[in-house]
Amino acid sequence: MGILERCDTNAVAHLTMNAPERLNALSDEMLAALKAALAELREDRSVRAVILSGAGKAFCAGHDLKQMQQGRQADDGGKAYFKDLFERCAEVMLAIQSLPQPVIAQVHGIATAAGCQLVATCDMAVAAEGTRFGVNGVNIGLFCSTPMVALSRNVPRKQAFEMLTTGAFIDTGRAEAMGLINRAVPHDALQAETRALAETVAGKLGAAVKIGKEAFYAQITRPTAEAYAYTAEVMVENMLWRDTEEGIAAFLEKRAPNWSQ
């Protein structure tokens, strides 16, 4: 068993972080494995949706603090190591959002610090009831500045700032209300509910979802008028596809579309 396991079923790739003894911390090894797996998925046209989960009793507890303490032993006090670590972590987070396929976090136990960042970075998230979320670095004197990037783009500012400055956990009810997760489900239904969402997405025209995901993130930080101009161009391109023409015809004729992709 590797540190990151992949299982593909019905156009859905399921990645499982498999370091339960470390609560699936984003160690150097885990970040490298995630980066490699995401690079493979980018080129895999057979996959139309991705699930990301954690083995054992937690989704992800953030960075590996023991490993970070070891990095501190360098002559520069760890400055070069820490800079490289956070750059590598950011590369993984950016790779998730630039992946053509939607990524769904399947969350249980805890998702803390960079683990909460991972949930916020994924395109969607389903969590087991009882899961706790936090950006708790401030409790040990380390403000979660990089997790803040994803968190503050998912939830209202005051809610994010409260989490960041208090280091307190929130439960699934509040996480859902704030928009950090799509829904909370009973623990024994977590896998089935996440799989159902992934298979629904995987059943759509892959090219349309791909162009839509790219446009979603490209437009969201633009001024409104600029966003409309950009997305209008995307819609024009999408409308000219043969598969889109077929999809519209199938809808009007009340039949299943015969897509080529």
C-alpha atoms as a PDB file:
ATOM      1  CA  MET A   1       0.000   0.000   0.000  1.00  0.00           C
ATOM      2  CA  GLY A   2       1.362   3.380  -0.985  1.00  0.00           C
ATOM      3  CA  ILE A   3       0.996   6.723   0.744  1.00  0.00           C
ATOM      4  CA  LEU A   4      -1.629   7.678  -1.852  1.00  0.00           C
ATOM      5  CA  GLU A   5      -3.957   5.043  -3.317  1.00  0.00           C
ATOM      6  CA  ARG A   6      -5.949   5.419  -6.541  1.00  0.00           C
ATOM      7  CA  CYS A   7      -8.993   3.407  -7.576  1.00  0.00           C
ATOM      8  CA  ASP A   8     -10.969   4.146 -10.770  1.00  0.00           C
ATOM      9  CA  THR A   9     -14.620   3.163 -11.272  1.00  0.00           C
ATOM     10  CA  ASN A  10     -17.111   4.417 -13.878  1.00  0.00           C
ATOM     11  CA  ALA A  11     -15.061   7.458 -14.955  1.00  0.00           C
ATOM     12  CA  VAL A  12     -14.471   8.443 -11.314  1.00  0.00           C
ATOM     13  CA  ALA A  13     -10.950   8.337  -9.842  1.00  0.00           C
ATOM     14  CA  HIS A  14     -10.800   7.953  -6.073  1.00  0.00           C
ATOM     15  CA  LEU A  15      -7.585   9.135  -4.407  1.00  0.00           C
ATOM     16  CA  THR A  16      -7.114   8.041  -0.791  1.00  0.00           C
ATOM     17  CA  MET A  17      -4.434   9.642   1.360  1.00  0.00           C
ATOM     18  CA  ASN A  18      -3.033   6.605   3.141  1.00  0.00           C
ATOM     19  CA  ALA A  19      -0.963   7.714   6.120  1.00  0.00           C
ATOM     20  CA  PRO A  20      -3.447   7.161   8.969  1.00  0.00           C
ATOM     21  CA  GLU A  21      -0.709   7.001  11.590  1.00  0.00           C
ATOM     22  CA  ARG A  22       0.051  10.657  10.745  1.00  0.00           C
ATOM     23  CA  LEU A  23      -3.614  11.591  10.274  1.00  0.00           C
ATOM     24  CA  ASN A  24      -2.807  11.903   6.555  1.00  0.00           C
ATOM     25  CA  ALA A  25      -0.629  14.947   7.155  1.00  0.00           C
ATOM     26  CA  LEU A  26       0.665  16.824   4.120  1.00  0.00           C
ATOM     27  CA  SER A  27       4.214  15.590   4.567  1.00  0.00           C
ATOM     28  CA  ASP A  28       6.886  15.992   1.908  1.00  0.00           C
ATOM     29  CA  GLU A  29       6.010  12.504   0.701  1.00  0.00           C
ATOM     30  CA  MET A  30       2.256  13.141   0.609  1.00  0.00           C
ATOM     31  CA  LEU A  31       2.660  16.395  -1.293  1.00  0.00           C
ATOM     32  CA  ALA A  32       4.905  14.667  -3.838  1.00  0.00           C
ATOM     33  CA  ALA A  33       2.404  11.836  -4.253  1.00  0.00           C
ATOM     34  CA  LEU A  34      -0.523  14.234  -4.699  1.00  0.00           C
ATOM     35  CA  LYS A  35       1.392  16.307  -7.228  1.00  0.00           C
ATOM     36  CA  ALA A  36       2.250  13.206  -9.285  1.00  0.00           C
ATOM     37  CA  ALA A  37      -1.287  11.822  -9.134  1.00  0.00           C
ATOM     38  CA  LEU A  38      -2.824  15.130 -10.199  1.00  0.00           C
ATOM     39  CA  ALA A  39      -0.400  15.354 -13.128  1.00  0.00           C
ATOM     40  CA  GLU A  40      -1.498  11.887 -14.254  1.00  0.00           C
ATOM     41  CA  LEU A  41      -5.184  12.747 -13.908  1.00  0.00           C
ATOM     42  CA  ARG A  42      -4.746  15.890 -15.982  1.00  0.00           C
ATOM     43  CA  GLU A  43      -3.853  13.728 -18.976  1.00  0.00           C
ATOM     44  CA  ASP A  44      -6.392  10.954 -18.317  1.00  0.00           C
ATOM     45  CA  ARG A  45      -9.427  11.544 -20.502  1.00  0.00           C
ATOM     46  CA  SER A  46     -11.182   8.459 -19.142  1.00  0.00           C
ATOM     47  CA  VAL A  47     -11.655  10.209 -15.779  1.00  0.00           C
ATOM     48  CA  ARG A  48     -14.415  12.820 -15.467  1.00  0.00           C
ATOM     49  CA  ALA A  49     -14.539  13.344 -11.696  1.00  0.00           C
ATOM     50  CA  VAL A  50     -12.170  12.844  -8.763  1.00  0.00           C
ATOM     51  CA  ILE A  51     -12.835  12.009  -5.117  1.00  0.00           C
ATOM     52  CA  LEU A  52     -10.196  12.801  -2.481  1.00  0.00           C
ATOM     53  CA  SER A  53     -10.438  11.125   0.933  1.00  0.00           C
ATOM     54  CA  GLY A  54      -8.283  10.093   3.870  1.00  0.00           C
ATOM     55  CA  ALA A  55      -7.724   6.653   5.396  1.00  0.00           C
ATOM     56  CA  GLY A  56      -8.163   5.998   9.102  1.00  0.00           C
ATOM     57  CA  LYS A  57      -9.865   8.278  11.581  1.00  0.00           C
ATOM     58  CA  ALA A  58      -9.216  11.646   9.902  1.00  0.00           C
ATOM     59  CA  PHE A  59      -9.273  13.352   6.530  1.00  0.00           C
ATOM     60  CA  CYS A  60      -6.121  15.427   6.969  1.00  0.00           C
ATOM     61  CA  ALA A  61      -4.467  17.098   9.947  1.00  0.00           C
ATOM     62  CA  GLY A  62      -2.487  19.640   7.936  1.00  0.00           C
ATOM     63  CA  HIS A  63       1.273  19.847   7.582  1.00  0.00           C
ATOM     64  CA  ASP A  64       3.541  17.318   9.291  1.00  0.00           C
ATOM     65  CA  LEU A  65       4.764  19.290  12.323  1.00  0.00           C
ATOM     66  CA  LYS A  66       7.447  16.758  13.237  1.00  0.00           C
ATOM     67  CA  GLN A  67       8.879  17.014   9.739  1.00  0.00           C
ATOM     68  CA  MET A  68       8.731  20.787   9.919  1.00  0.00           C
ATOM     69  CA  GLN A  69      10.660  20.743  13.185  1.00  0.00           C
ATOM     70  CA  GLN A  70      13.339  18.635  11.500  1.00  0.00           C
ATOM     71  CA  GLY A  71      13.551  21.192   8.701  1.00  0.00           C
ATOM     72  CA  ARG A  72      14.239  23.834  11.312  1.00  0.00           C
ATOM     73  CA  GLN A  73      17.588  22.181  12.103  1.00  0.00           C
ATOM     74  CA  ALA A  74      19.227  23.578   8.951  1.00  0.00           C
ATOM     75  CA  ASP A  75      21.896  26.278   9.237  1.00  0.00           C
ATOM     76  CA  ASP A  76      19.413  28.956   8.166  1.00  0.00           C
ATOM     77  CA  GLY A  77      16.901  27.901  10.813  1.00  0.00           C
ATOM     78  CA  GLY A  78      14.760  26.219   8.169  1.00  0.00           C
ATOM     79  CA  LYS A  79      14.034  29.287   6.059  1.00  0.00           C
ATOM     80  CA  ALA A  80      14.840  27.619   2.736  1.00  0.00           C
ATOM     81  CA  TYR A  81      13.000  24.435   3.689  1.00  0.00           C
ATOM     82  CA  PHE A  82       9.871  26.279   4.821  1.00  0.00           C
ATOM     83  CA  LYS A  83       9.822  28.454   1.696  1.00  0.00           C
ATOM     84  CA  ASP A  84      10.090  25.351  -0.475  1.00  0.00           C
ATOM     85  CA  LEU A  85       7.463  23.500   1.573  1.00  0.00           C
ATOM     86  CA  PHE A  86       4.807  26.187   1.260  1.00  0.00           C
ATOM     87  CA  GLU A  87       5.573  26.643  -2.433  1.00  0.00           C
ATOM     88  CA  ARG A  88       5.123  22.894  -2.999  1.00  0.00           C
ATOM     89  CA  CYS A  89       1.875  22.932  -1.036  1.00  0.00           C
ATOM     90  CA  ALA A  90       0.581  25.853  -3.098  1.00  0.00           C
ATOM     91  CA  GLU A  91       1.471  23.964  -6.288  1.00  0.00           C
ATOM     92  CA  VAL A  92      -0.725  21.060  -5.185  1.00  0.00           C
ATOM     93  CA  MET A  93      -3.629  23.361  -4.277  1.00  0.00           C
ATOM     94  CA  LEU A  94      -3.372  25.173  -7.604  1.00  0.00           C
ATOM     95  CA  ALA A  95      -3.144  21.853  -9.448  1.00  0.00           C
ATOM     96  CA  ILE A  96      -6.458  20.775  -7.920  1.00  0.00           C
ATOM     97  CA  GLN A  97      -8.240  23.885  -9.147  1.00  0.00           C
ATOM     98  CA  SER A  98      -6.617  23.766 -12.582  1.00  0.00           C
ATOM     99  CA  LEU A  99      -7.410  20.072 -13.028  1.00  0.00           C
ATOM    100  CA  PRO A 100      -9.915  19.574 -15.886  1.00  0.00           C
ATOM    101  CA  GLN A 101     -12.016  17.264 -13.730  1.00  0.00           C
ATOM    102  CA  PRO A 102     -13.997  18.467 -10.687  1.00  0.00           C
ATOM    103  CA  VAL A 103     -12.488  17.286  -7.387  1.00  0.00           C
ATOM    104  CA  ILE A 104     -14.770  16.352  -4.482  1.00  0.00           C
ATOM    105  CA  ALA A 105     -13.394  16.114  -0.950  1.00  0.00           C
ATOM    106  CA  GLN A 106     -14.858  13.205   1.052  1.00  0.00           C
ATOM    107  CA  VAL A 107     -14.235  14.416   4.590  1.00  0.00           C
ATOM    108  CA  HIS A 108     -14.446  12.752   7.999  1.00  0.00           C
ATOM    109  CA  GLY A 109     -12.908  13.078  11.433  1.00  0.00           C
ATOM    110  CA  ILE A 110     -10.944  16.300  11.284  1.00  0.00           C
ATOM    111  CA  ALA A 111      -9.711  18.669   8.597  1.00  0.00           C
ATOM    112  CA  THR A 112      -7.308  21.095  10.231  1.00  0.00           C
ATOM    113  CA  ALA A 113      -4.910  23.821   9.041  1.00  0.00           C
ATOM    114  CA  ALA A 114      -3.649  22.753   5.583  1.00  0.00           C
ATOM    115  CA  GLY A 115      -6.194  19.923   5.754  1.00  0.00           C
ATOM    116  CA  CYS A 116      -8.974  22.505   5.983  1.00  0.00           C
ATOM    117  CA  GLN A 117      -7.213  24.359   3.162  1.00  0.00           C
ATOM    118  CA  LEU A 118      -7.452  21.162   1.117  1.00  0.00           C
ATOM    119  CA  VAL A 119     -11.210  20.956   1.698  1.00  0.00           C
ATOM    120  CA  ALA A 120     -11.634  24.611   0.738  1.00  0.00           C
ATOM    121  CA  THR A 121      -9.521  24.099  -2.379  1.00  0.00           C
ATOM    122  CA  CYS A 122     -11.522  21.149  -3.720  1.00  0.00           C
ATOM    123  CA  ASP A 123     -14.366  22.099  -6.040  1.00  0.00           C
ATOM    124  CA  MET A 124     -16.947  20.444  -3.793  1.00  0.00           C
ATOM    125  CA  ALA A 125     -16.979  18.702  -0.420  1.00  0.00           C
ATOM    126  CA  VAL A 126     -19.190  16.174   1.335  1.00  0.00           C
ATOM    127  CA  ALA A 127     -18.546  15.597   5.038  1.00  0.00           C
ATOM    128  CA  ALA A 128     -19.617  13.042   7.592  1.00  0.00           C
ATOM    129  CA  GLU A 129     -21.671  14.448  10.440  1.00  0.00           C
ATOM    130  CA  GLY A 130     -19.391  15.061  13.404  1.00  0.00           C
ATOM    131  CA  THR A 131     -16.420  16.159  11.303  1.00  0.00           C
ATOM    132  CA  ARG A 132     -14.547  19.143  12.745  1.00  0.00           C
ATOM    133  CA  PHE A 133     -12.868  21.857  10.690  1.00  0.00           C
ATOM    134  CA  GLY A 134     -10.291  24.369  11.845  1.00  0.00           C
ATOM    135  CA  VAL A 135      -7.372  26.586  10.892  1.00  0.00           C
ATOM    136  CA  ASN A 136      -5.764  26.148  14.276  1.00  0.00           C
ATOM    137  CA  GLY A 137      -2.189  27.283  13.716  1.00  0.00           C
ATOM    138  CA  VAL A 138      -2.663  30.386  15.830  1.00  0.00           C
ATOM    139  CA  ASN A 139      -2.948  28.084  18.877  1.00  0.00           C
ATOM    140  CA  ILE A 140       0.738  27.175  18.482  1.00  0.00           C
ATOM    141  CA  GLY A 141       1.879  30.632  17.378  1.00  0.00           C
ATOM    142  CA  LEU A 142       1.698  29.979  13.631  1.00  0.00           C
ATOM    143  CA  PHE A 143      -0.991  31.958  11.808  1.00  0.00           C
ATOM    144  CA  CYS A 144      -2.525  29.850   9.005  1.00  0.00           C
ATOM    145  CA  SER A 145      -1.688  32.360   6.292  1.00  0.00           C
ATOM    146  CA  THR A 146      -1.576  29.954   3.345  1.00  0.00           C
ATOM    147  CA  PRO A 147      -4.739  28.045   4.388  1.00  0.00           C
ATOM    148  CA  MET A 148      -6.343  31.487   4.683  1.00  0.00           C
ATOM    149  CA  VAL A 149      -6.122  31.930   0.892  1.00  0.00           C
ATOM    150  CA  ALA A 150      -8.482  29.057   0.133  1.00  0.00           C
ATOM    151  CA  LEU A 151     -10.635  29.547   3.229  1.00  0.00           C
ATOM    152  CA  SER A 152     -11.291  33.246   2.593  1.00  0.00           C
ATOM    153  CA  ARG A 153     -12.354  32.416  -0.967  1.00  0.00           C
ATOM    154  CA  ASN A 154     -14.951  29.939   0.328  1.00  0.00           C
ATOM    155  CA  VAL A 155     -16.574  31.543   3.356  1.00  0.00           C
ATOM    156  CA  PRO A 156     -17.562  35.087   4.409  1.00  0.00           C
ATOM    157  CA  ARG A 157     -14.692  37.270   5.590  1.00  0.00           C
ATOM    158  CA  LYS A 158     -15.751  37.682   9.202  1.00  0.00           C
ATOM    159  CA  GLN A 159     -16.350  33.947   9.581  1.00  0.00           C
ATOM    160  CA  ALA A 160     -12.937  33.159   8.102  1.00  0.00           C
ATOM    161  CA  PHE A 161     -11.215  35.737  10.287  1.00  0.00           C
ATOM    162  CA  GLU A 162     -12.863  34.371  13.409  1.00  0.00           C
ATOM    163  CA  MET A 163     -11.653  30.861  12.591  1.00  0.00           C
ATOM    164  CA  LEU A 164      -8.132  32.108  11.857  1.00  0.00           C
ATOM    165  CA  THR A 165      -7.746  34.239  14.966  1.00  0.00           C
ATOM    166  CA  THR A 166      -9.456  32.007  17.530  1.00  0.00           C
ATOM    167  CA  GLY A 167      -8.133  28.663  16.310  1.00  0.00           C
ATOM    168  CA  ALA A 168     -11.519  27.185  17.215  1.00  0.00           C
ATOM    169  CA  PHE A 169     -13.096  24.233  15.476  1.00  0.00           C
ATOM    170  CA  ILE A 170     -16.422  24.445  13.656  1.00  0.00           C
ATOM    171  CA  ASP A 171     -18.804  21.535  13.171  1.00  0.00           C
ATOM    172  CA  THR A 172     -20.408  20.281   9.968  1.00  0.00           C
ATOM    173  CA  GLY A 173     -23.588  22.289  10.544  1.00  0.00           C
ATOM    174  CA  ARG A 174     -21.721  25.564  10.621  1.00  0.00           C
ATOM    175  CA  ALA A 175     -19.359  24.477   7.830  1.00  0.00           C
ATOM    176  CA  GLU A 176     -22.338  23.797   5.589  1.00  0.00           C
ATOM    177  CA  ALA A 177     -24.048  27.071   6.524  1.00  0.00           C
ATOM    178  CA  MET A 178     -20.848  28.995   5.769  1.00  0.00           C
ATOM    179  CA  GLY A 179     -20.317  27.282   2.414  1.00  0.00           C
ATOM    180  CA  LEU A 180     -17.150  25.366   3.287  1.00  0.00           C
ATOM    181  CA  ILE A 181     -18.865  22.080   2.418  1.00  0.00           C
ATOM    182  CA  ASN A 182     -21.773  21.232   0.138  1.00  0.00           C
ATOM    183  CA  ARG A 183     -23.520  18.947   2.596  1.00  0.00           C
ATOM    184  CA  ALA A 184     -23.156  16.883   5.747  1.00  0.00           C
ATOM    185  CA  VAL A 185     -24.378  13.290   5.746  1.00  0.00           C
ATOM    186  CA  PRO A 186     -24.444  10.409   8.249  1.00  0.00           C
ATOM    187  CA  HIS A 187     -21.032   8.764   8.527  1.00  0.00           C
ATOM    188  CA  ASP A 188     -22.246   5.452   7.144  1.00  0.00           C
ATOM    189  CA  ALA A 189     -23.621   7.229   4.057  1.00  0.00           C
ATOM    190  CA  LEU A 190     -20.515   9.336   3.359  1.00  0.00           C
ATOM    191  CA  GLN A 191     -18.944   7.134   0.715  1.00  0.00           C
ATOM    192  CA  ALA A 192     -22.220   6.473  -1.118  1.00  0.00           C
ATOM    193  CA  GLU A 193     -23.270  10.133  -1.102  1.00  0.00           C
ATOM    194  CA  THR A 194     -19.880  11.317  -2.357  1.00  0.00           C
ATOM    195  CA  ARG A 195     -19.821   8.614  -5.017  1.00  0.00           C
ATOM    196  CA  ALA A 196     -23.328   9.574  -6.187  1.00  0.00           C
ATOM    197  CA  LEU A 197     -22.293  13.216  -6.563  1.00  0.00           C
ATOM    198  CA  ALA A 198     -19.129  12.244  -8.440  1.00  0.00           C
ATOM    199  CA  GLU A 199     -21.006   9.923 -10.800  1.00  0.00           C
ATOM    200  CA  THR A 200     -23.590  12.622 -11.502  1.00  0.00           C
ATOM    201  CA  VAL A 201     -20.796  14.980 -12.563  1.00  0.00           C
ATOM    202  CA  ALA A 202     -19.022  12.211 -14.487  1.00  0.00           C
ATOM    203  CA  GLY A 203     -22.206  11.589 -16.465  1.00  0.00           C
ATOM    204  CA  LYS A 204     -22.106  15.052 -18.050  1.00  0.00           C
ATOM    205  CA  LEU A 205     -20.243  16.005 -21.220  1.00  0.00           C
ATOM    206  CA  GLY A 206     -16.645  16.025 -20.023  1.00  0.00           C
ATOM    207  CA  ALA A 207     -15.524  18.801 -22.348  1.00  0.00           C
ATOM    208  CA  ALA A 208     -18.334  21.053 -21.140  1.00  0.00           C
ATOM    209  CA  VAL A 209     -17.471  20.482 -17.478  1.00  0.00           C
ATOM    210  CA  LYS A 210     -13.793  21.093 -18.250  1.00  0.00           C
ATOM    211  CA  ILE A 211     -14.385  24.426 -19.992  1.00  0.00           C
ATOM    212  CA  GLY A 212     -16.891  25.367 -17.292  1.00  0.00           C
ATOM    213  CA  LYS A 213     -14.524  24.666 -14.405  1.00  0.00           C
ATOM    214  CA  GLU A 214     -11.793  26.712 -16.026  1.00  0.00           C
ATOM    215  CA  ALA A 215     -14.208  29.575 -16.645  1.00  0.00           C
ATOM    216  CA  PHE A 216     -15.591  29.383 -13.104  1.00  0.00           C
ATOM    217  CA  TYR A 217     -12.236  30.137 -11.509  1.00  0.00           C
ATOM    218  CA  ALA A 218     -11.161  32.577 -14.224  1.00  0.00           C
ATOM    219  CA  GLN A 219     -14.241  34.785 -13.866  1.00  0.00           C
ATOM    220  CA  ILE A 220     -14.756  34.737 -10.132  1.00  0.00           C
ATOM    221  CA  THR A 221     -12.125  37.363  -9.273  1.00  0.00           C
ATOM    222  CA  ARG A 222     -12.841  39.646 -12.246  1.00  0.00           C
ATOM    223  CA  PRO A 223     -15.025  42.755 -12.200  1.00  0.00           C
ATOM    224  CA  THR A 224     -18.610  41.936 -13.194  1.00  0.00           C
ATOM    225  CA  ALA A 225     -18.547  43.496 -16.672  1.00  0.00           C
ATOM    226  CA  GLU A 226     -15.221  41.855 -17.488  1.00  0.00           C
ATOM    227  CA  ALA A 227     -16.506  38.513 -16.190  1.00  0.00           C
ATOM    228  CA  TYR A 228     -19.551  38.711 -18.462  1.00  0.00           C
ATOM    229  CA  ALA A 229     -17.401  39.552 -21.492  1.00  0.00           C
ATOM    230  CA  TYR A 230     -15.065  36.643 -20.773  1.00  0.00           C
ATOM    231  CA  THR A 231     -17.804  34.086 -20.112  1.00  0.00           C
ATOM    232  CA  ALA A 232     -19.720  35.176 -23.213  1.00  0.00           C
ATOM    233  CA  GLU A 233     -16.679  34.165 -25.264  1.00  0.00           C
ATOM    234  CA  VAL A 234     -16.594  30.833 -23.465  1.00  0.00           C
ATOM    235  CA  MET A 235     -20.310  30.298 -24.188  1.00  0.00           C
ATOM    236  CA  VAL A 236     -19.790  31.045 -27.880  1.00  0.00           C
ATOM    237  CA  GLU A 237     -16.991  28.490 -28.092  1.00  0.00           C
ATOM    238  CA  ASN A 238     -19.094  25.928 -26.217  1.00  0.00           C
ATOM    239  CA  MET A 239     -22.158  26.514 -28.443  1.00  0.00           C
ATOM    240  CA  LEU A 240     -20.161  25.775 -31.590  1.00  0.00           C
ATOM    241  CA  TRP A 241     -19.271  22.236 -30.490  1.00  0.00           C
ATOM    242  CA  ARG A 242     -20.911  19.340 -32.300  1.00  0.00           C
ATOM    243  CA  ASP A 243     -21.657  17.646 -28.960  1.00  0.00           C
ATOM    244  CA  THR A 244     -23.447  20.734 -27.662  1.00  0.00           C
ATOM    245  CA  GLU A 245     -25.556  20.875 -30.812  1.00  0.00           C
ATOM    246  CA  GLU A 246     -26.383  17.200 -30.270  1.00  0.00           C
ATOM    247  CA  GLY A 247     -27.198  17.797 -26.586  1.00  0.00           C
ATOM    248  CA  ILE A 248     -29.681  20.556 -27.435  1.00  0.00           C
ATOM    249  CA  ALA A 249     -31.265  18.480 -30.190  1.00  0.00           C
ATOM    250  CA  ALA A 250     -31.597  15.514 -27.844  1.00  0.00           C
ATOM    251  CA  PHE A 251     -33.287  17.673 -25.212  1.00  0.00           C
ATOM    252  CA  LEU A 252     -35.778  19.071 -27.732  1.00  0.00           C
ATOM    253  CA  GLU A 253     -36.455  15.582 -29.115  1.00  0.00           C
ATOM    254  CA  LYS A 254     -36.745  14.095 -25.608  1.00  0.00           C
ATOM    255  CA  ARG A 255     -34.022  11.476 -26.039  1.00  0.00           C
ATOM    256  CA  ALA A 256     -30.580  10.698 -24.618  1.00  0.00           C
ATOM    257  CA  PRO A 257     -27.729  12.590 -26.335  1.00  0.00           C
ATOM    258  CA  ASN A 258     -25.299  10.697 -28.539  1.00  0.00           C
ATOM    259  CA  TRP A 259     -22.096  12.448 -27.495  1.00  0.00           C
ATOM    260  CA  SER A 260     -18.768  11.687 -29.136  1.00  0.00           C
ATOM    261  CA  GLN A 261     -16.772  12.353 -25.933  1.00  0.00           C
END
